[in-house]
Amino acid sequence: MIKKLLVSLALAIAIFGFAKNSYATGTVNIMPDTATIQLDPEVAAQYEIIKPDKQTYSSSERVILINGKAPSGTEVTINVYGTTDLTRKSFNLDKLPLDQDYILLATEKAISGNMGFFQKQMDLVRGINKIVIDFGVEGLEKSEFIVYTYELRRVEIRPIYTRDTILPAIPLIR
């Protein structure tokens, strides 16, 4: 019994007695540091998109007017993307397509005028459209808007009148 106790004690001293000194080196940054440019809030306030005013919406209009303000002479790039889903069954405003499902439909450039405003009229396709507006200023993010365009169908309901339905209702005068 004493042998078992001595062996256990020697084993415990051997395990806990050896010092476990380890030294770690500093962190290694594999990715190079990219300098993020912080845009002054006063400068960022000069760039604004007025229309469209919502990030995501639906409309029956197939033409959209994009306008906003930027310093005079600023070139604004507007990209319009459509979806590759021709059946329109699997994409809606709740389930948006992935980035690879969009096809670039049009790229337009607008230049802000003397008053500092720009505007451009863009054609959309039926279904989900993504509009990306880039001011071309470093430190200012691109703005994305999702527009679901649908076809508005008018249904006219008129009662059907035939000669048999009209004539019995009119009394004959003799």
N, C-alpha and C. Protein backbone atom coordinates (compact mmCIF):
# COMPACT_ATOMS: atom_id res chain seq x y z
N MET A 1 0.80 -1.17 0.00
CA MET A 1 0.00 0.00 0.00
C MET A 1 0.86 1.25 0.00
N ILE A 2 1.94 1.20 0.80
CA ILE A 2 2.82 2.35 0.87
C ILE A 2 3.54 2.53 -0.48
N LYS A 3 3.82 1.41 -1.16
CA LYS A 3 4.46 1.50 -2.46
C LYS A 3 3.55 2.24 -3.45
N LYS A 4 2.26 1.94 -3.43
CA LYS A 4 1.31 2.61 -4.33
C LYS A 4 1.23 4.09 -4.02
N LEU A 5 1.25 4.43 -2.72
CA LEU A 5 1.18 5.83 -2.32
C LEU A 5 2.44 6.58 -2.74
N LEU A 6 3.61 5.96 -2.58
CA LEU A 6 4.86 6.59 -2.98
C LEU A 6 4.95 6.75 -4.50
N VAL A 7 4.49 5.78 -5.26
CA VAL A 7 4.51 5.87 -6.71
C VAL A 7 3.56 6.98 -7.17
N SER A 8 2.39 7.07 -6.56
CA SER A 8 1.43 8.12 -6.92
C SER A 8 1.98 9.49 -6.57
N LEU A 9 2.62 9.63 -5.43
CA LEU A 9 3.20 10.90 -5.00
C LEU A 9 4.35 11.29 -5.94
N ALA A 10 5.20 10.35 -6.30
CA ALA A 10 6.31 10.63 -7.21
C ALA A 10 5.78 11.03 -8.59
N LEU A 11 4.73 10.40 -9.02
CA LEU A 11 4.13 10.74 -10.32
C LEU A 11 3.51 12.14 -10.28
N ALA A 12 2.84 12.48 -9.20
CA ALA A 12 2.24 13.82 -9.06
C ALA A 12 3.32 14.88 -9.03
N ILE A 13 4.43 14.62 -8.30
CA ILE A 13 5.52 15.58 -8.24
C ILE A 13 6.16 15.72 -9.62
N ALA A 14 6.26 14.63 -10.36
CA ALA A 14 6.87 14.68 -11.69
C ALA A 14 6.00 15.50 -12.64
N ILE A 15 4.71 15.33 -12.54
CA ILE A 15 3.80 16.06 -13.45
C ILE A 15 3.76 17.54 -13.11
N PHE A 16 3.54 17.87 -11.85
CA PHE A 16 3.39 19.26 -11.45
C PHE A 16 4.73 19.94 -11.16
N GLY A 17 5.77 19.19 -11.02
CA GLY A 17 7.06 19.76 -10.68
C GLY A 17 7.80 20.38 -11.85
N PHE A 18 7.59 19.86 -13.04
CA PHE A 18 8.28 20.43 -14.18
C PHE A 18 7.63 21.75 -14.55
N ALA A 19 8.41 22.75 -14.68
CA ALA A 19 7.88 24.08 -15.02
C ALA A 19 7.51 24.11 -16.50
N LYS A 20 6.38 24.63 -16.74
CA LYS A 20 5.92 24.74 -18.12
C LYS A 20 6.04 26.20 -18.52
N ASN A 21 7.20 26.60 -18.91
CA ASN A 21 7.42 27.97 -19.35
C ASN A 21 7.34 27.99 -20.87
N SER A 22 6.47 28.80 -21.36
CA SER A 22 6.37 28.96 -22.81
C SER A 22 6.25 30.45 -23.11
N TYR A 23 6.86 30.82 -24.17
CA TYR A 23 6.85 32.23 -24.55
C TYR A 23 6.25 32.31 -25.95
N ALA A 24 5.29 33.21 -26.11
CA ALA A 24 4.65 33.37 -27.42
C ALA A 24 5.24 34.59 -28.10
N THR A 25 5.31 34.50 -29.40
CA THR A 25 5.77 35.65 -30.17
C THR A 25 4.56 36.56 -30.43
N GLY A 26 4.83 37.71 -30.93
CA GLY A 26 3.74 38.63 -31.27
C GLY A 26 2.89 38.08 -32.39
N THR A 27 1.73 38.68 -32.60
CA THR A 27 0.85 38.20 -33.66
C THR A 27 1.46 38.50 -35.02
N VAL A 28 1.23 37.61 -35.92
CA VAL A 28 1.73 37.76 -37.28
C VAL A 28 0.55 38.15 -38.15
N ASN A 29 0.65 39.29 -38.80
CA ASN A 29 -0.41 39.78 -39.66
C ASN A 29 -0.11 39.32 -41.08
N ILE A 30 -0.91 38.38 -41.57
CA ILE A 30 -0.69 37.85 -42.91
C ILE A 30 -1.16 38.85 -43.96
N MET A 31 -2.30 39.50 -43.68
CA MET A 31 -2.84 40.48 -44.60
C MET A 31 -2.14 41.82 -44.39
N PRO A 32 -1.73 42.49 -45.44
CA PRO A 32 -1.11 43.80 -45.25
C PRO A 32 -2.13 44.80 -44.74
N ASP A 33 -1.67 45.73 -43.96
CA ASP A 33 -2.57 46.76 -43.44
C ASP A 33 -2.99 47.67 -44.57
N THR A 34 -4.30 47.78 -44.74
CA THR A 34 -4.81 48.71 -45.73
C THR A 34 -5.28 49.93 -44.98
N ALA A 35 -4.86 51.03 -45.42
CA ALA A 35 -5.22 52.27 -44.74
C ALA A 35 -6.66 52.61 -45.09
N THR A 36 -7.51 52.66 -44.09
CA THR A 36 -8.88 53.06 -44.32
C THR A 36 -8.97 54.57 -44.22
N ILE A 37 -9.56 55.14 -45.21
CA ILE A 37 -9.66 56.59 -45.26
C ILE A 37 -10.96 57.00 -44.59
N GLN A 38 -10.83 57.84 -43.60
CA GLN A 38 -12.00 58.37 -42.93
C GLN A 38 -12.36 59.68 -43.61
N LEU A 39 -13.59 59.75 -44.10
CA LEU A 39 -14.06 60.94 -44.79
C LEU A 39 -14.60 61.92 -43.77
N ASP A 40 -14.23 63.16 -43.90
CA ASP A 40 -14.70 64.21 -43.01
C ASP A 40 -16.22 64.31 -43.10
N PRO A 41 -16.93 64.40 -41.96
CA PRO A 41 -18.41 64.47 -42.03
C PRO A 41 -18.94 65.65 -42.83
N GLU A 42 -18.20 66.74 -42.84
CA GLU A 42 -18.65 67.90 -43.62
C GLU A 42 -18.56 67.60 -45.12
N VAL A 43 -17.53 66.86 -45.52
CA VAL A 43 -17.37 66.49 -46.93
C VAL A 43 -18.41 65.44 -47.30
N ALA A 44 -18.65 64.46 -46.41
CA ALA A 44 -19.63 63.41 -46.68
C ALA A 44 -21.04 63.97 -46.80
N ALA A 45 -21.32 65.08 -46.12
CA ALA A 45 -22.66 65.68 -46.18
C ALA A 45 -22.93 66.32 -47.54
N GLN A 46 -21.88 66.56 -48.33
CA GLN A 46 -22.07 67.16 -49.65
C GLN A 46 -22.60 66.14 -50.66
N TYR A 47 -22.49 64.85 -50.35
CA TYR A 47 -22.93 63.79 -51.26
C TYR A 47 -24.21 63.18 -50.71
N GLU A 48 -25.28 63.25 -51.50
CA GLU A 48 -26.57 62.75 -51.03
C GLU A 48 -27.38 62.25 -52.22
N ILE A 49 -28.12 61.17 -51.98
CA ILE A 49 -29.04 60.64 -53.00
C ILE A 49 -30.45 60.99 -52.55
N ILE A 50 -31.15 61.75 -53.38
CA ILE A 50 -32.49 62.20 -53.03
C ILE A 50 -33.54 61.17 -53.45
N LYS A 51 -33.47 60.72 -54.68
CA LYS A 51 -34.38 59.69 -55.19
C LYS A 51 -33.55 58.55 -55.74
N PRO A 52 -33.83 57.34 -55.49
CA PRO A 52 -34.90 56.78 -54.70
C PRO A 52 -34.65 57.01 -53.21
N ASP A 53 -35.74 57.20 -52.49
CA ASP A 53 -35.63 57.52 -51.07
C ASP A 53 -35.70 56.30 -50.17
N LYS A 54 -36.06 55.13 -50.73
CA LYS A 54 -36.11 53.89 -49.95
C LYS A 54 -35.05 52.93 -50.47
N GLN A 55 -34.50 52.12 -49.58
CA GLN A 55 -33.50 51.14 -49.98
C GLN A 55 -34.12 49.99 -50.77
N THR A 56 -35.32 49.56 -50.38
CA THR A 56 -35.99 48.45 -51.04
C THR A 56 -37.46 48.80 -51.19
N TYR A 57 -37.98 48.68 -52.41
CA TYR A 57 -39.41 48.94 -52.63
C TYR A 57 -39.85 48.28 -53.92
N SER A 58 -41.16 48.26 -54.12
CA SER A 58 -41.71 47.69 -55.35
C SER A 58 -42.52 48.77 -56.07
N SER A 59 -42.60 48.61 -57.40
CA SER A 59 -43.28 49.61 -58.20
C SER A 59 -43.74 48.98 -59.50
N SER A 60 -44.77 49.56 -60.09
CA SER A 60 -45.21 49.11 -61.41
C SER A 60 -44.55 49.93 -62.51
N GLU A 61 -43.83 50.98 -62.14
CA GLU A 61 -43.14 51.83 -63.11
C GLU A 61 -41.88 51.12 -63.61
N ARG A 62 -41.66 51.15 -64.91
CA ARG A 62 -40.48 50.50 -65.48
C ARG A 62 -39.35 51.50 -65.72
N VAL A 63 -39.59 52.76 -65.40
CA VAL A 63 -38.59 53.80 -65.54
C VAL A 63 -38.40 54.45 -64.18
N ILE A 64 -37.16 54.66 -63.79
CA ILE A 64 -36.87 55.25 -62.48
C ILE A 64 -36.03 56.51 -62.70
N LEU A 65 -36.32 57.52 -61.91
CA LEU A 65 -35.55 58.75 -61.92
C LEU A 65 -34.62 58.75 -60.72
N ILE A 66 -33.35 58.88 -60.98
CA ILE A 66 -32.35 58.90 -59.91
C ILE A 66 -31.78 60.31 -59.87
N ASN A 67 -31.86 60.92 -58.70
CA ASN A 67 -31.26 62.24 -58.56
C ASN A 67 -30.68 62.41 -57.17
N GLY A 68 -29.80 63.40 -57.08
CA GLY A 68 -29.14 63.66 -55.81
C GLY A 68 -28.29 64.89 -55.91
N LYS A 69 -27.45 65.08 -54.90
CA LYS A 69 -26.58 66.24 -54.93
C LYS A 69 -25.15 65.81 -54.65
N ALA A 70 -24.25 66.54 -55.29
CA ALA A 70 -22.81 66.32 -55.16
C ALA A 70 -22.14 67.63 -55.54
N PRO A 71 -20.90 67.84 -55.15
CA PRO A 71 -20.22 69.06 -55.56
C PRO A 71 -20.20 69.20 -57.08
N SER A 72 -20.21 70.42 -57.56
CA SER A 72 -20.29 70.71 -58.98
C SER A 72 -19.16 70.03 -59.74
N GLY A 73 -19.52 69.34 -60.84
CA GLY A 73 -18.54 68.67 -61.68
C GLY A 73 -18.25 67.24 -61.29
N THR A 74 -18.88 66.72 -60.24
CA THR A 74 -18.65 65.34 -59.80
C THR A 74 -19.29 64.37 -60.78
N GLU A 75 -18.54 63.35 -61.19
CA GLU A 75 -19.07 62.33 -62.09
C GLU A 75 -19.61 61.17 -61.25
N VAL A 76 -20.90 60.91 -61.38
CA VAL A 76 -21.58 59.86 -60.62
C VAL A 76 -21.84 58.69 -61.56
N THR A 77 -21.43 57.49 -61.15
CA THR A 77 -21.64 56.29 -61.95
C THR A 77 -22.85 55.53 -61.41
N ILE A 78 -23.77 55.20 -62.31
CA ILE A 78 -24.99 54.48 -61.93
C ILE A 78 -25.02 53.17 -62.70
N ASN A 79 -25.03 52.06 -61.98
CA ASN A 79 -25.11 50.73 -62.58
C ASN A 79 -26.47 50.13 -62.26
N VAL A 80 -27.12 49.56 -63.27
CA VAL A 80 -28.40 48.89 -63.08
C VAL A 80 -28.21 47.42 -63.40
N TYR A 81 -28.58 46.57 -62.43
CA TYR A 81 -28.47 45.12 -62.58
C TYR A 81 -29.87 44.52 -62.56
N GLY A 82 -30.08 43.47 -63.35
CA GLY A 82 -31.32 42.70 -63.34
C GLY A 82 -31.01 41.28 -62.93
N THR A 83 -32.06 40.50 -62.67
CA THR A 83 -31.85 39.12 -62.24
C THR A 83 -31.85 38.18 -63.42
N THR A 84 -31.23 37.01 -63.21
CA THR A 84 -31.20 35.99 -64.25
C THR A 84 -32.40 35.07 -64.16
N ASP A 85 -33.24 35.26 -63.16
CA ASP A 85 -34.41 34.41 -62.96
C ASP A 85 -35.53 34.88 -63.89
N LEU A 86 -35.75 34.17 -64.97
CA LEU A 86 -36.76 34.58 -65.93
C LEU A 86 -38.17 34.18 -65.49
N THR A 87 -38.28 33.21 -64.60
CA THR A 87 -39.60 32.77 -64.16
C THR A 87 -40.14 33.64 -63.04
N ARG A 88 -39.30 34.37 -62.34
CA ARG A 88 -39.65 35.25 -61.23
C ARG A 88 -40.36 34.49 -60.11
N LYS A 89 -40.13 33.20 -60.01
CA LYS A 89 -40.80 32.43 -58.96
C LYS A 89 -39.95 32.29 -57.71
N SER A 90 -38.64 32.29 -57.85
CA SER A 90 -37.81 32.03 -56.68
C SER A 90 -37.25 33.30 -56.05
N PHE A 91 -37.40 34.48 -56.68
CA PHE A 91 -36.89 35.71 -56.10
C PHE A 91 -38.04 36.66 -55.82
N ASN A 92 -38.00 37.28 -54.66
CA ASN A 92 -38.93 38.35 -54.31
C ASN A 92 -38.23 39.27 -53.33
N LEU A 93 -38.95 40.22 -52.77
CA LEU A 93 -38.31 41.17 -51.86
C LEU A 93 -37.90 40.53 -50.54
N ASP A 94 -38.51 39.40 -50.18
CA ASP A 94 -38.10 38.70 -48.97
C ASP A 94 -36.89 37.80 -49.22
N LYS A 95 -36.83 37.22 -50.41
CA LYS A 95 -35.71 36.34 -50.77
C LYS A 95 -35.00 36.96 -51.98
N LEU A 96 -33.98 37.76 -51.69
CA LEU A 96 -33.26 38.45 -52.75
C LEU A 96 -32.22 37.54 -53.38
N PRO A 97 -31.89 37.77 -54.65
CA PRO A 97 -30.88 36.95 -55.31
C PRO A 97 -29.48 37.20 -54.75
N LEU A 98 -28.59 36.28 -54.99
CA LEU A 98 -27.19 36.45 -54.63
C LEU A 98 -26.53 37.39 -55.65
N ASP A 99 -25.33 37.85 -55.35
CA ASP A 99 -24.65 38.79 -56.24
C ASP A 99 -24.37 38.19 -57.62
N GLN A 100 -24.11 36.88 -57.69
CA GLN A 100 -23.81 36.28 -58.99
C GLN A 100 -25.06 36.07 -59.84
N ASP A 101 -26.25 36.24 -59.26
CA ASP A 101 -27.49 36.08 -60.03
C ASP A 101 -27.88 37.35 -60.79
N TYR A 102 -27.19 38.44 -60.54
CA TYR A 102 -27.49 39.70 -61.21
C TYR A 102 -26.70 39.82 -62.51
N ILE A 103 -27.31 40.45 -63.51
CA ILE A 103 -26.67 40.73 -64.79
C ILE A 103 -26.63 42.25 -64.95
N LEU A 104 -25.48 42.78 -65.35
CA LEU A 104 -25.35 44.22 -65.58
C LEU A 104 -26.15 44.59 -66.81
N LEU A 105 -27.15 45.45 -66.64
CA LEU A 105 -28.00 45.87 -67.74
C LEU A 105 -27.53 47.17 -68.37
N ALA A 106 -27.16 48.13 -67.52
CA ALA A 106 -26.77 49.44 -68.05
C ALA A 106 -25.82 50.12 -67.08
N THR A 107 -24.91 50.90 -67.64
CA THR A 107 -24.02 51.75 -66.86
C THR A 107 -24.13 53.15 -67.44
N GLU A 108 -24.50 54.08 -66.61
CA GLU A 108 -24.66 55.47 -67.04
C GLU A 108 -23.83 56.36 -66.13
N LYS A 109 -23.40 57.47 -66.68
CA LYS A 109 -22.67 58.46 -65.89
C LYS A 109 -23.47 59.76 -65.91
N ALA A 110 -23.56 60.38 -64.74
CA ALA A 110 -24.23 61.67 -64.61
C ALA A 110 -23.24 62.63 -63.97
N ILE A 111 -23.23 63.84 -64.45
CA ILE A 111 -22.33 64.87 -63.91
C ILE A 111 -23.17 65.92 -63.22
N SER A 112 -22.79 66.23 -61.98
CA SER A 112 -23.56 67.23 -61.24
C SER A 112 -23.32 68.61 -61.85
N GLY A 113 -24.38 69.37 -61.90
CA GLY A 113 -24.34 70.69 -62.55
C GLY A 113 -23.82 71.79 -61.65
N ASN A 114 -24.03 73.02 -62.09
CA ASN A 114 -23.54 74.19 -61.35
C ASN A 114 -24.18 74.33 -59.98
N MET A 115 -25.42 73.92 -59.85
CA MET A 115 -26.12 74.01 -58.57
C MET A 115 -25.76 72.83 -57.65
N GLY A 116 -25.04 71.84 -58.17
CA GLY A 116 -24.63 70.71 -57.36
C GLY A 116 -25.60 69.55 -57.38
N PHE A 117 -26.51 69.51 -58.35
CA PHE A 117 -27.49 68.43 -58.44
C PHE A 117 -27.24 67.63 -59.71
N PHE A 118 -27.59 66.34 -59.65
CA PHE A 118 -27.51 65.47 -60.82
C PHE A 118 -28.80 64.69 -60.91
N GLN A 119 -29.13 64.23 -62.11
CA GLN A 119 -30.29 63.36 -62.29
C GLN A 119 -30.10 62.51 -63.53
N LYS A 120 -30.69 61.34 -63.49
CA LYS A 120 -30.61 60.40 -64.61
C LYS A 120 -31.86 59.54 -64.61
N GLN A 121 -32.38 59.27 -65.78
CA GLN A 121 -33.55 58.40 -65.93
C GLN A 121 -33.06 57.07 -66.45
N MET A 122 -33.45 55.99 -65.74
CA MET A 122 -32.98 54.65 -66.08
C MET A 122 -34.17 53.73 -66.34
N ASP A 123 -34.00 52.82 -67.30
CA ASP A 123 -35.01 51.80 -67.60
C ASP A 123 -34.73 50.56 -66.76
N LEU A 124 -35.79 49.96 -66.24
CA LEU A 124 -35.69 48.75 -65.44
C LEU A 124 -36.35 47.60 -66.17
N VAL A 125 -36.03 46.39 -65.76
CA VAL A 125 -36.68 45.20 -66.30
C VAL A 125 -37.70 44.70 -65.27
N ARG A 126 -38.60 43.86 -65.73
CA ARG A 126 -39.56 43.27 -64.81
C ARG A 126 -38.85 42.32 -63.88
N GLY A 127 -39.17 42.37 -62.63
CA GLY A 127 -38.53 41.51 -61.65
C GLY A 127 -37.68 42.33 -60.69
N ILE A 128 -36.64 41.72 -60.16
CA ILE A 128 -35.78 42.38 -59.18
C ILE A 128 -34.66 43.13 -59.90
N ASN A 129 -34.51 44.40 -59.58
CA ASN A 129 -33.44 45.24 -60.12
C ASN A 129 -32.60 45.76 -58.97
N LYS A 130 -31.30 45.81 -59.19
CA LYS A 130 -30.40 46.40 -58.19
C LYS A 130 -29.73 47.59 -58.83
N ILE A 131 -29.79 48.73 -58.15
CA ILE A 131 -29.19 49.97 -58.64
C ILE A 131 -28.04 50.31 -57.71
N VAL A 132 -26.85 50.48 -58.28
CA VAL A 132 -25.66 50.81 -57.51
C VAL A 132 -25.19 52.20 -57.95
N ILE A 133 -25.10 53.12 -57.00
CA ILE A 133 -24.69 54.49 -57.28
C ILE A 133 -23.35 54.73 -56.61
N ASP A 134 -22.36 55.15 -57.41
CA ASP A 134 -21.01 55.38 -56.92
C ASP A 134 -20.61 56.81 -57.25
N PHE A 135 -20.22 57.57 -56.22
CA PHE A 135 -19.78 58.95 -56.42
C PHE A 135 -18.32 59.03 -56.85
N GLY A 136 -17.59 57.93 -56.73
CA GLY A 136 -16.19 57.92 -57.12
C GLY A 136 -15.29 58.63 -56.13
N VAL A 137 -15.74 58.75 -54.88
CA VAL A 137 -14.96 59.41 -53.84
C VAL A 137 -14.41 58.33 -52.91
N GLU A 138 -13.11 58.37 -52.68
CA GLU A 138 -12.48 57.39 -51.82
C GLU A 138 -12.93 57.62 -50.38
N GLY A 139 -13.39 56.57 -49.73
CA GLY A 139 -13.88 56.67 -48.36
C GLY A 139 -15.39 56.77 -48.28
N LEU A 140 -16.06 56.97 -49.41
CA LEU A 140 -17.52 57.04 -49.45
C LEU A 140 -18.04 55.76 -50.10
N GLU A 141 -18.89 55.04 -49.39
CA GLU A 141 -19.36 53.75 -49.88
C GLU A 141 -20.36 53.90 -51.01
N LYS A 142 -20.45 52.85 -51.82
CA LYS A 142 -21.46 52.82 -52.88
C LYS A 142 -22.82 52.61 -52.25
N SER A 143 -23.85 53.20 -52.85
CA SER A 143 -25.21 53.03 -52.36
C SER A 143 -25.94 52.02 -53.24
N GLU A 144 -26.66 51.09 -52.61
CA GLU A 144 -27.40 50.07 -53.35
C GLU A 144 -28.89 50.20 -53.05
N PHE A 145 -29.69 50.07 -54.10
CA PHE A 145 -31.13 50.11 -53.98
C PHE A 145 -31.71 48.90 -54.70
N ILE A 146 -32.72 48.28 -54.11
CA ILE A 146 -33.40 47.14 -54.72
C ILE A 146 -34.81 47.58 -55.09
N VAL A 147 -35.17 47.38 -56.37
CA VAL A 147 -36.49 47.76 -56.87
C VAL A 147 -37.11 46.53 -57.51
N TYR A 148 -38.29 46.14 -57.01
CA TYR A 148 -39.04 45.04 -57.63
C TYR A 148 -40.07 45.67 -58.55
N THR A 149 -39.96 45.39 -59.85
CA THR A 149 -40.86 45.94 -60.84
C THR A 149 -41.84 44.87 -61.27
N TYR A 150 -43.11 45.20 -61.21
CA TYR A 150 -44.14 44.24 -61.60
C TYR A 150 -45.04 44.87 -62.63
N GLU A 151 -45.77 44.01 -63.33
CA GLU A 151 -46.68 44.48 -64.36
C GLU A 151 -48.06 44.68 -63.76
N LEU A 152 -48.59 45.85 -63.95
CA LEU A 152 -49.92 46.17 -63.43
C LEU A 152 -50.95 45.78 -64.48
N ARG A 153 -51.82 44.89 -64.11
CA ARG A 153 -52.85 44.43 -65.06
C ARG A 153 -54.18 45.04 -64.66
N ARG A 154 -54.82 45.62 -65.63
CA ARG A 154 -56.14 46.20 -65.39
C ARG A 154 -57.20 45.20 -65.82
N VAL A 155 -58.10 45.00 -64.93
CA VAL A 155 -59.20 44.09 -65.24
C VAL A 155 -60.47 44.92 -65.20
N GLU A 156 -61.17 44.93 -66.30
CA GLU A 156 -62.40 45.68 -66.39
C GLU A 156 -63.57 44.70 -66.30
N ILE A 157 -64.40 44.90 -65.34
CA ILE A 157 -65.54 44.03 -65.18
C ILE A 157 -66.78 44.82 -65.59
N ARG A 158 -67.42 44.36 -66.64
CA ARG A 158 -68.66 44.97 -67.10
C ARG A 158 -69.74 43.90 -67.12
N PRO A 159 -70.91 44.28 -66.66
CA PRO A 159 -71.98 43.29 -66.77
C PRO A 159 -72.31 43.04 -68.25
N ILE A 160 -72.60 41.84 -68.55
CA ILE A 160 -72.90 41.47 -69.93
C ILE A 160 -74.41 41.63 -70.15
N TYR A 161 -74.73 42.51 -71.06
CA TYR A 161 -76.13 42.73 -71.40
C TYR A 161 -76.41 42.10 -72.75
N THR A 162 -77.44 41.34 -72.80
CA THR A 162 -77.90 40.79 -74.07
C THR A 162 -79.32 41.27 -74.30
N ARG A 163 -79.82 41.04 -75.45
CA ARG A 163 -81.16 41.50 -75.80
C ARG A 163 -82.21 40.83 -74.91
N ASP A 164 -81.96 39.58 -74.55
CA ASP A 164 -82.93 38.87 -73.73
C ASP A 164 -82.99 39.41 -72.31
N THR A 165 -81.88 39.89 -71.78
CA THR A 165 -81.89 40.38 -70.41
C THR A 165 -82.44 41.79 -70.32
N ILE A 166 -82.32 42.61 -71.38
CA ILE A 166 -82.81 43.99 -71.33
C ILE A 166 -84.30 44.07 -71.63
N LEU A 167 -84.77 43.37 -72.63
CA LEU A 167 -86.15 43.53 -73.08
C LEU A 167 -87.22 43.13 -72.05
N PRO A 168 -87.08 42.06 -71.30
CA PRO A 168 -88.14 41.75 -70.35
C PRO A 168 -88.25 42.78 -69.24
N ALA A 169 -87.20 43.54 -68.97
CA ALA A 169 -87.26 44.51 -67.90
C ALA A 169 -87.99 45.78 -68.34
N ILE A 170 -88.16 46.01 -69.64
CA ILE A 170 -88.83 47.23 -70.11
C ILE A 170 -90.29 46.87 -70.39
N PRO A 171 -91.20 47.57 -69.72
CA PRO A 171 -92.62 47.27 -69.99
C PRO A 171 -93.03 47.82 -71.36
N LEU A 172 -93.85 47.10 -71.99
CA LEU A 172 -94.32 47.53 -73.28
C LEU A 172 -95.49 48.52 -73.13
N ILE A 173 -95.44 49.60 -73.84
CA ILE A 173 -96.52 50.59 -73.82
C ILE A 173 -97.31 50.43 -75.10
N ARG A 174 -98.62 50.27 -74.98
CA ARG A 174 -99.46 50.11 -76.16
C ARG A 174 -100.49 51.15 -76.22
